[in-house]
Amino acid sequence: MSDQITVILDEWGRGDRTALDRLLPLVYPELRTIAAACLRRESPGHTLQATGLVHELFLKLLKRRDANFEGRAHFYALAAKLMRLALIDHARSAAAMRHGGGLARVPLHEEMPWMDAAGPGVIDLDRALVELEALDAEQARMIEMRFLMGCTVEETAEILGVSRSSVDRKVRMARAWLFARLGFRDAVGG
């Protein structure tokens, strides 16, 4: 099926607008699983649901003029980024409405307990990931897949076509860089 996805992505990149209709049933279950994993790290009572997040992703994909993908891994990396942006937009809207209303802190991921998934720091995380992407796109993609999409080390390695040890090493370096970049020098868990 991954070959079929790659072929359809290539057709879409060459301008076949019907390709997205054929792609949707193939990737929807995986994208919904990824969206659900992203949302599990959000505050309880989050108004955005996995289905809605995937639908927002496809609306963003439909608007893209540039549909050139290097393959399945590139597509899923872009999907992770677009989901992250949708969650950031949602966090901005919610923050504007509640102005910190005393909600419980929810860690982004058990391996990043210093990052509140629903707090204003998510916007800073997004900016830092853009910077990291400019420095090392693969590390940024790994962080997105592991901590935003909820992929395991094995899944990340498989999708990106690298070894598990490479994912472990590069994620550790990227986490340390993000920890320092976001100013958590005195926090626990870095």
Protein backbone atom coordinates (compact mmCIF):
# COMPACT_ATOMS: atom_id res chain seq x y z
CA MET A 1 0.00 0.00 0.00
CA SER A 2 2.90 2.41 0.67
CA ASP A 3 3.89 2.09 -3.02
CA GLN A 4 0.32 2.93 -4.02
CA ILE A 5 0.39 5.99 -1.75
CA THR A 6 3.68 7.12 -3.30
CA VAL A 7 2.29 6.71 -6.84
CA ILE A 8 -0.84 8.72 -5.99
CA LEU A 9 1.24 11.44 -4.31
CA ASP A 10 3.35 11.65 -7.45
CA GLU A 11 0.20 11.96 -9.60
CA TRP A 12 -1.08 14.72 -7.32
CA GLY A 13 2.26 16.50 -7.59
CA ARG A 14 1.96 16.41 -11.39
CA GLY A 15 -1.36 18.23 -11.18
CA ASP A 16 -3.93 15.41 -11.04
CA ARG A 17 -6.49 16.94 -8.67
CA THR A 18 -8.46 13.66 -8.55
CA ALA A 19 -5.44 12.04 -6.86
CA LEU A 20 -6.39 13.53 -3.49
CA ASP A 21 -9.77 11.78 -3.71
CA ARG A 22 -7.97 8.45 -4.23
CA LEU A 23 -5.41 9.21 -1.53
CA LEU A 24 -7.90 10.01 1.21
CA PRO A 25 -9.22 6.46 1.81
CA LEU A 26 -5.67 5.07 1.88
CA VAL A 27 -4.23 7.51 4.43
CA TYR A 28 -7.32 8.50 6.43
CA PRO A 29 -7.13 5.68 9.02
CA GLU A 30 -3.46 6.39 9.76
CA LEU A 31 -4.02 10.16 9.88
CA ARG A 32 -6.97 9.69 12.24
CA THR A 33 -4.80 7.55 14.52
CA ILE A 34 -2.10 10.24 14.45
CA ALA A 35 -4.65 12.97 15.16
CA ALA A 36 -6.06 10.97 18.09
CA ALA A 37 -2.54 10.60 19.50
CA CYS A 38 -1.99 14.35 19.17
CA LEU A 39 -5.26 15.10 20.93
CA ARG A 40 -4.58 12.67 23.81
CA ARG A 41 -1.89 15.11 24.90
CA GLU A 42 -4.28 18.06 24.89
CA SER A 43 -6.19 19.29 27.94
CA PRO A 44 -9.28 17.32 28.97
CA GLY A 45 -12.41 18.70 27.37
CA HIS A 46 -10.62 19.77 24.20
CA THR A 47 -13.23 20.83 21.66
CA LEU A 48 -11.30 19.64 18.61
CA GLN A 49 -11.68 15.92 17.85
CA ALA A 50 -9.50 13.60 15.76
CA THR A 51 -11.94 13.57 12.85
CA GLY A 52 -12.11 17.35 12.86
CA LEU A 53 -8.32 17.63 12.97
CA VAL A 54 -7.97 15.31 9.95
CA HIS A 55 -10.64 17.27 8.10
CA GLU A 56 -8.79 20.52 8.84
CA LEU A 57 -5.65 18.87 7.50
CA PHE A 58 -7.36 17.95 4.23
CA LEU A 59 -8.79 21.45 3.86
CA LYS A 60 -5.25 22.79 4.18
CA LEU A 61 -3.99 20.21 1.68
CA LEU A 62 -6.68 21.19 -0.82
CA LYS A 63 -5.52 24.81 -0.65
CA ARG A 64 -1.88 23.94 -1.36
CA ARG A 65 -0.62 24.86 -4.79
CA ASP A 66 2.61 22.95 -4.18
CA ALA A 67 1.73 19.25 -3.90
CA ASN A 68 5.18 17.84 -4.56
CA PHE A 69 6.05 15.04 -2.15
CA GLU A 70 9.21 12.99 -2.06
CA GLY A 71 7.14 10.02 -0.90
CA ARG A 72 5.06 8.75 1.95
CA ALA A 73 7.44 9.96 4.67
CA HIS A 74 7.41 13.49 3.29
CA PHE A 75 3.60 13.45 3.10
CA TYR A 76 3.25 12.28 6.72
CA ALA A 77 5.82 14.86 7.86
CA LEU A 78 3.81 17.61 6.16
CA ALA A 79 0.62 16.19 7.68
CA ALA A 80 2.23 16.36 11.13
CA LYS A 81 3.23 19.97 10.55
CA LEU A 82 -0.24 20.96 9.34
CA MET A 83 -1.89 19.19 12.29
CA ARG A 84 0.52 20.99 14.61
CA LEU A 85 -0.41 24.31 13.05
CA ALA A 86 -4.12 23.53 13.42
CA LEU A 87 -3.60 22.72 17.11
CA ILE A 88 -1.55 25.91 17.55
CA ASP A 89 -4.32 27.96 15.94
CA HIS A 90 -6.79 26.27 18.25
CA ALA A 91 -4.56 26.96 21.28
CA ARG A 92 -4.26 30.63 20.30
CA SER A 93 -8.03 30.93 20.01
CA ALA A 94 -8.61 29.19 23.32
CA ALA A 95 -5.96 31.30 25.07
CA ALA A 96 -7.52 34.47 23.74
CA MET A 97 -10.89 33.40 25.12
CA ARG A 98 -9.83 32.24 28.57
CA HIS A 99 -6.66 34.27 29.32
CA GLY A 100 -5.17 31.46 31.40
CA GLY A 101 -8.40 30.42 33.18
CA GLY A 102 -6.58 28.11 35.63
CA LEU A 103 -6.79 24.94 33.56
CA ALA A 104 -4.71 21.94 34.58
CA ARG A 105 -1.28 21.60 32.98
CA VAL A 106 -0.96 18.65 30.58
CA PRO A 107 2.52 17.62 29.42
CA LEU A 108 2.98 17.47 25.65
CA HIS A 109 4.55 14.01 25.94
CA GLU A 110 5.94 11.87 28.76
CA GLU A 111 9.44 12.44 27.34
CA MET A 112 8.88 16.21 27.27
CA PRO A 113 7.19 16.87 30.65
CA TRP A 114 8.46 20.46 30.68
CA MET A 115 6.23 21.41 27.73
CA ASP A 116 2.56 22.10 28.48
CA ALA A 117 0.47 20.80 25.57
CA ALA A 118 -2.27 23.38 26.03
CA GLY A 119 -0.28 26.33 27.26
CA PRO A 120 1.03 29.36 25.44
CA GLY A 121 4.42 27.63 25.24
CA VAL A 122 3.06 25.55 22.35
CA ILE A 123 3.31 28.64 20.18
CA ASP A 124 6.97 29.05 21.21
CA LEU A 125 7.51 25.35 20.49
CA ASP A 126 6.15 25.86 17.00
CA ARG A 127 8.58 28.73 16.40
CA ALA A 128 11.46 26.67 17.78
CA LEU A 129 10.54 23.75 15.50
CA VAL A 130 10.67 26.08 12.50
CA GLU A 131 14.18 27.14 13.61
CA LEU A 132 15.19 23.51 14.16
CA GLU A 133 13.89 22.62 10.71
CA ALA A 134 16.20 25.24 9.20
CA LEU A 135 19.13 23.73 11.11
CA ASP A 136 18.27 20.05 10.71
CA ALA A 137 15.03 19.15 8.90
CA GLU A 138 15.33 15.47 9.79
CA GLN A 139 15.53 16.18 13.53
CA ALA A 140 12.50 18.49 13.29
CA ARG A 141 10.59 15.79 11.42
CA MET A 142 11.54 13.22 14.07
CA ILE A 143 10.34 15.50 16.89
CA GLU A 144 7.04 16.07 15.08
CA MET A 145 6.55 12.36 14.48
CA ARG A 146 7.52 11.22 17.99
CA PHE A 147 5.95 13.90 20.14
CA LEU A 148 3.22 15.49 18.04
CA MET A 149 2.02 12.58 15.93
CA GLY A 150 2.59 10.01 18.67
CA CYS A 151 4.70 7.64 16.55
CA THR A 152 6.93 5.13 18.31
CA VAL A 153 10.67 5.09 17.69
CA GLU A 154 10.17 2.07 15.43
CA GLU A 155 7.40 3.75 13.41
CA THR A 156 9.46 6.92 13.04
CA ALA A 157 12.48 4.91 11.86
CA GLU A 158 10.38 2.97 9.36
CA ILE A 159 8.63 6.01 7.89
CA LEU A 160 11.86 8.00 7.57
CA GLY A 161 13.91 5.02 6.40
CA VAL A 162 16.55 5.31 9.12
CA SER A 163 17.69 3.09 11.98
CA ARG A 164 16.08 3.04 15.42
CA SER A 165 19.40 4.11 16.97
CA SER A 166 19.55 7.09 14.60
CA VAL A 167 16.07 8.16 15.72
CA ASP A 168 17.01 7.75 19.40
CA ARG A 169 20.23 9.75 19.00
CA LYS A 170 18.79 12.55 16.90
CA VAL A 171 15.65 12.91 19.04
CA ARG A 172 17.81 13.18 22.18
CA MET A 173 19.87 15.94 20.54
CA ALA A 174 16.77 17.74 19.28
CA ARG A 175 15.05 17.52 22.68
CA ALA A 176 18.12 19.01 24.36
CA TRP A 177 18.26 21.80 21.77
CA LEU A 178 14.53 22.55 22.22
CA PHE A 179 14.85 22.43 26.01
CA ALA A 180 17.63 25.02 25.94
CA ARG A 181 16.07 27.09 23.13
CA LEU A 182 12.77 27.38 24.99
CA GLY A 183 14.50 28.47 28.20
CA PHE A 184 13.73 25.49 30.42
CA ARG A 185 17.23 25.39 31.90
CA ASP A 186 15.88 25.27 35.46
CA ALA A 187 12.96 22.90 34.79
CA VAL A 188 12.92 19.25 35.77
CA GLY A 189 12.87 16.51 33.16
CA GLY A 190 15.15 17.87 30.46
